[in-house]
Amino acid sequence: MQLCGVCSEQVPKYRCPVCRTRYCSLGCYKNHRGESEALKGLLRNPHLRQLLASVDTAEDKAQAMKTAMQEPLFVEFADQCLKVVEPSEKEADEEDDGI
């Protein structure tokens, strides 16, 4: 049985039209959309887009990632991506408590 991609508690009834993540309720949709909006905001930055393109086209991708991780903007982007993909236990607890 598959669980909601946002809260991981209930069976999902809906699917995000953009990323296809499955979610169970309006509350989960709003949480998911809010995370996506933060990520979209970061991706509007031309400097970040240039960094992402340079990593993508680099011959040595591992070295390019090490270099990119020295940029605070890239680190913020990576952190936001991780929050979307795998929320921390603290954030999940806060959402459960309604904080």
C-alpha atoms as a PDB file:
ATOM      1  CA  MET A   1       0.000   0.000   0.000  1.00  0.00           C
ATOM      2  CA  GLN A   2       1.363   3.404  -0.996  1.00  0.00           C
ATOM      3  CA  LEU A   3       1.332   6.284   1.497  1.00  0.00           C
ATOM      4  CA  CYS A   4       1.022  10.038   1.015  1.00  0.00           C
ATOM      5  CA  GLY A   5       4.258  11.548  -0.308  1.00  0.00           C
ATOM      6  CA  VAL A   6       3.882  14.516   2.060  1.00  0.00           C
ATOM      7  CA  CYS A   7       2.686  13.193   5.423  1.00  0.00           C
ATOM      8  CA  SER A   8       3.403   9.464   4.930  1.00  0.00           C
ATOM      9  CA  GLU A   9       0.331   8.631   7.011  1.00  0.00           C
ATOM     10  CA  GLN A  10      -2.652   8.044   4.737  1.00  0.00           C
ATOM     11  CA  VAL A  11      -3.390   6.490   1.378  1.00  0.00           C
ATOM     12  CA  PRO A  12      -3.008   9.184  -1.307  1.00  0.00           C
ATOM     13  CA  LYS A  13      -6.032  10.103  -3.402  1.00  0.00           C
ATOM     14  CA  TYR A  14      -4.465  12.837  -5.544  1.00  0.00           C
ATOM     15  CA  ARG A  15      -1.351  13.476  -7.620  1.00  0.00           C
ATOM     16  CA  CYS A  16       0.590  16.733  -8.100  1.00  0.00           C
ATOM     17  CA  PRO A  17       0.232  17.773 -11.759  1.00  0.00           C
ATOM     18  CA  VAL A  18       3.789  19.112 -11.841  1.00  0.00           C
ATOM     19  CA  CYS A  19       5.964  16.493 -10.122  1.00  0.00           C
ATOM     20  CA  ARG A  20       3.456  13.614  -9.848  1.00  0.00           C
ATOM     21  CA  THR A  21       3.922  13.286  -6.055  1.00  0.00           C
ATOM     22  CA  ARG A  22       0.902  11.595  -4.533  1.00  0.00           C
ATOM     23  CA  TYR A  23      -0.853  13.299  -1.591  1.00  0.00           C
ATOM     24  CA  CYS A  24      -3.915  12.614   0.546  1.00  0.00           C
ATOM     25  CA  SER A  25      -5.520  15.953   1.396  1.00  0.00           C
ATOM     26  CA  LEU A  26      -5.762  19.684   0.796  1.00  0.00           C
ATOM     27  CA  GLY A  27      -3.430  20.301   3.747  1.00  0.00           C
ATOM     28  CA  CYS A  28      -0.771  18.051   2.258  1.00  0.00           C
ATOM     29  CA  TYR A  29      -1.225  19.713  -1.129  1.00  0.00           C
ATOM     30  CA  LYS A  30      -0.667  23.149   0.419  1.00  0.00           C
ATOM     31  CA  ASN A  31       2.448  21.937   2.244  1.00  0.00           C
ATOM     32  CA  HIS A  32       3.775  20.363  -0.951  1.00  0.00           C
ATOM     33  CA  ARG A  33       2.989  23.454  -3.028  1.00  0.00           C
ATOM     34  CA  GLY A  34       4.706  25.701  -0.471  1.00  0.00           C
ATOM     35  CA  GLU A  35       7.868  23.636  -0.720  1.00  0.00           C
ATOM     36  CA  SER A  36       7.700  23.793  -4.495  1.00  0.00           C
ATOM     37  CA  GLU A  37       7.236  27.570  -4.418  1.00  0.00           C
ATOM     38  CA  ALA A  38      10.373  27.997  -2.305  1.00  0.00           C
ATOM     39  CA  LEU A  39      12.315  25.871  -4.762  1.00  0.00           C
ATOM     40  CA  LYS A  40      10.909  27.799  -7.731  1.00  0.00           C
ATOM     41  CA  GLY A  41      11.967  31.046  -6.075  1.00  0.00           C
ATOM     42  CA  LEU A  42      15.536  29.822  -5.791  1.00  0.00           C
ATOM     43  CA  LEU A  43      15.547  28.630  -9.393  1.00  0.00           C
ATOM     44  CA  ARG A  44      14.653  32.138 -10.585  1.00  0.00           C
ATOM     45  CA  ASN A  45      18.139  33.255  -9.553  1.00  0.00           C
ATOM     46  CA  PRO A  46      20.367  33.467 -12.677  1.00  0.00           C
ATOM     47  CA  HIS A  47      23.533  32.794 -10.649  1.00  0.00           C
ATOM     48  CA  LEU A  48      22.092  29.519  -9.333  1.00  0.00           C
ATOM     49  CA  ARG A  49      20.984  28.538 -12.821  1.00  0.00           C
ATOM     50  CA  GLN A  50      24.517  29.161 -14.074  1.00  0.00           C
ATOM     51  CA  LEU A  51      25.935  27.017 -11.251  1.00  0.00           C
ATOM     52  CA  LEU A  52      23.528  24.188 -12.072  1.00  0.00           C
ATOM     53  CA  ALA A  53      24.405  24.373 -15.757  1.00  0.00           C
ATOM     54  CA  SER A  54      28.133  24.292 -15.009  1.00  0.00           C
ATOM     55  CA  VAL A  55      27.728  21.189 -12.819  1.00  0.00           C
ATOM     56  CA  ASP A  56      25.580  19.548 -15.479  1.00  0.00           C
ATOM     57  CA  THR A  57      28.086  20.157 -18.275  1.00  0.00           C
ATOM     58  CA  ALA A  58      31.263  19.548 -16.256  1.00  0.00           C
ATOM     59  CA  GLU A  59      33.632  16.791 -17.305  1.00  0.00           C
ATOM     60  CA  ASP A  60      34.407  15.920 -13.665  1.00  0.00           C
ATOM     61  CA  LYS A  61      30.991  16.140 -11.994  1.00  0.00           C
ATOM     62  CA  ALA A  62      32.292  15.198  -8.538  1.00  0.00           C
ATOM     63  CA  GLN A  63      34.762  18.090  -8.581  1.00  0.00           C
ATOM     64  CA  ALA A  64      32.107  20.429  -9.975  1.00  0.00           C
ATOM     65  CA  MET A  65      29.788  19.478  -7.091  1.00  0.00           C
ATOM     66  CA  LYS A  66      32.562  20.123  -4.545  1.00  0.00           C
ATOM     67  CA  THR A  67      33.133  23.538  -6.062  1.00  0.00           C
ATOM     68  CA  ALA A  68      29.416  24.346  -6.216  1.00  0.00           C
ATOM     69  CA  MET A  69      28.950  23.310  -2.569  1.00  0.00           C
ATOM     70  CA  GLN A  70      31.293  26.169  -1.617  1.00  0.00           C
ATOM     71  CA  GLU A  71      28.628  28.616  -2.821  1.00  0.00           C
ATOM     72  CA  PRO A  72      26.049  29.462  -0.120  1.00  0.00           C
ATOM     73  CA  LEU A  73      23.333  29.835  -2.775  1.00  0.00           C
ATOM     74  CA  PHE A  74      23.958  26.315  -4.063  1.00  0.00           C
ATOM     75  CA  VAL A  75      23.949  24.926  -0.510  1.00  0.00           C
ATOM     76  CA  GLU A  76      20.603  26.646   0.124  1.00  0.00           C
ATOM     77  CA  PHE A  77      19.255  25.079  -3.083  1.00  0.00           C
ATOM     78  CA  ALA A  78      20.517  21.626  -2.081  1.00  0.00           C
ATOM     79  CA  ASP A  79      18.965  21.991   1.381  1.00  0.00           C
ATOM     80  CA  GLN A  80      15.622  23.011  -0.123  1.00  0.00           C
ATOM     81  CA  CYS A  81      15.714  20.020  -2.479  1.00  0.00           C
ATOM     82  CA  LEU A  82      16.344  17.718   0.470  1.00  0.00           C
ATOM     83  CA  LYS A  83      13.430  19.244   2.396  1.00  0.00           C
ATOM     84  CA  VAL A  84      11.119  18.479  -0.509  1.00  0.00           C
ATOM     85  CA  VAL A  85      12.395  14.947  -1.048  1.00  0.00           C
ATOM     86  CA  GLU A  86      12.915  13.892   2.554  1.00  0.00           C
ATOM     87  CA  PRO A  87      11.573  16.184   5.298  1.00  0.00           C
ATOM     88  CA  SER A  88      13.426  16.004   8.593  1.00  0.00           C
ATOM     89  CA  GLU A  89      11.809  14.270  11.553  1.00  0.00           C
ATOM     90  CA  LYS A  90      11.580  17.611  13.393  1.00  0.00           C
ATOM     91  CA  GLU A  91       9.634  19.217  10.536  1.00  0.00           C
ATOM     92  CA  ALA A  92       7.372  16.164  10.276  1.00  0.00           C
ATOM     93  CA  ASP A  93       6.680  16.345  14.027  1.00  0.00           C
ATOM     94  CA  GLU A  94       5.880  20.077  13.760  1.00  0.00           C
ATOM     95  CA  GLU A  95       3.451  19.393  10.916  1.00  0.00           C
ATOM     96  CA  ASP A  96       1.808  16.628  12.970  1.00  0.00           C
ATOM     97  CA  ASP A  97       1.447  19.013  15.928  1.00  0.00           C
ATOM     98  CA  GLY A  98      -0.005  21.744  13.680  1.00  0.00           C
ATOM     99  CA  ILE A  99       2.898  24.138  14.273  1.00  0.00           C
END
